Protein backbone atom coordinates (compact mmCIF):
# COMPACT_ATOMS: atom_id res chain seq x y z
CA MET A 1 34.28 53.27 52.05
CA ILE A 2 37.12 50.75 51.81
CA LYS A 3 39.43 53.36 50.26
CA GLU A 4 38.72 55.70 53.19
CA LEU A 5 39.61 52.94 55.67
CA GLU A 6 42.86 52.29 53.82
CA ARG A 7 43.65 55.97 53.90
CA ILE A 8 43.06 56.17 57.64
CA GLU A 9 45.16 53.03 58.09
CA VAL A 10 48.06 54.63 56.21
CA ILE A 11 47.68 57.88 58.16
CA SER A 12 47.61 55.93 61.43
CA ALA A 13 50.80 54.09 60.47
CA ARG A 14 52.55 57.40 59.66
CA ALA A 15 51.39 58.92 62.96
CA LEU A 16 52.59 55.87 64.87
CA ALA A 17 55.97 56.04 63.16
CA ARG A 18 56.32 59.71 64.16
CA LEU A 19 55.87 58.70 67.80
CA ASP A 20 58.52 55.96 67.66
CA ASP A 21 55.89 53.20 67.27
CA ASP A 22 54.62 53.83 70.80
CA ARG A 23 50.91 52.97 70.63
CA TYR A 24 50.29 54.24 74.15
CA LEU A 25 51.80 57.61 73.30
CA LEU A 26 49.80 57.78 70.07
CA SER A 27 46.53 57.08 71.87
CA ALA A 28 47.39 59.68 74.53
CA ALA A 29 48.23 62.24 71.83
CA VAL A 30 45.02 61.56 69.92
CA PHE A 31 42.91 61.76 73.08
CA GLN A 32 44.60 64.99 74.16
CA ARG A 33 44.12 66.58 70.74
CA ILE A 34 40.48 65.48 70.57
CA ASP A 35 39.95 67.19 73.92
CA GLU A 36 41.54 70.39 72.59
CA LEU A 37 39.44 70.29 69.42
CA THR A 38 36.30 69.72 71.48
CA ARG A 39 37.14 72.77 73.57
CA GLY A 40 37.38 74.97 70.47
CA ALA A 41 40.92 74.62 69.14
CA LYS A 42 41.17 75.08 65.39
CA PRO A 43 42.41 72.12 63.36
CA LEU A 44 45.98 72.42 62.12
CA VAL A 45 45.00 70.68 58.88
CA ASP A 46 42.44 71.68 56.28
CA MET A 47 39.57 69.52 57.55
CA ASP A 48 36.12 70.67 58.63
CA ILE A 49 35.48 69.71 62.24
CA LYS A 50 31.78 69.26 61.44
CA LYS A 51 32.36 66.87 58.54
CA HIS A 52 35.24 64.72 59.84
CA LYS A 53 35.78 62.69 62.98
CA LEU A 54 37.95 64.42 65.54
CA ALA A 55 40.14 61.32 65.79
CA ASP A 56 40.83 61.47 62.05
CA ILE A 57 41.79 65.14 62.32
CA ALA A 58 44.08 64.43 65.28
CA LEU A 59 45.74 61.49 63.52
CA LEU A 60 46.40 63.56 60.41
CA GLU A 61 47.87 66.39 62.48
CA ILE A 62 50.22 63.94 64.19
CA ALA A 63 51.09 62.15 60.93
CA ASN A 64 51.97 65.49 59.31
CA GLY A 65 54.17 66.46 62.23
CA TYR A 66 52.05 69.38 63.47
CA ILE A 67 51.77 67.77 66.90
CA GLY A 68 54.85 66.11 68.26
CA ILE A 69 55.94 63.98 71.14
CA ASP A 70 57.15 67.03 73.11
CA SER A 71 53.71 68.65 73.25
CA VAL A 72 52.12 65.41 74.45
CA GLN A 73 54.69 64.79 77.18
CA GLU A 74 54.54 68.39 78.43
CA LYS A 75 50.81 68.24 79.06
CA SER A 76 50.92 64.80 80.68
CA SER A 77 53.52 65.91 83.25
């Protein structure tokens, strides 16, 4: 369990770095992506939506650069 927490911590740090260390923007991006996943969007990473938390999937997508700052700002406007 501790290794999984460390992994999520590292992924969170990478996602935060991709969004210029803006915690507000990261939380908005994660929330927005969770909403999309809840409404039926397919994950952009190889993770089963039934086995993993939606927040973990969203963080990994952001950390890997599949969801960027532009897509978050467009939908919030």
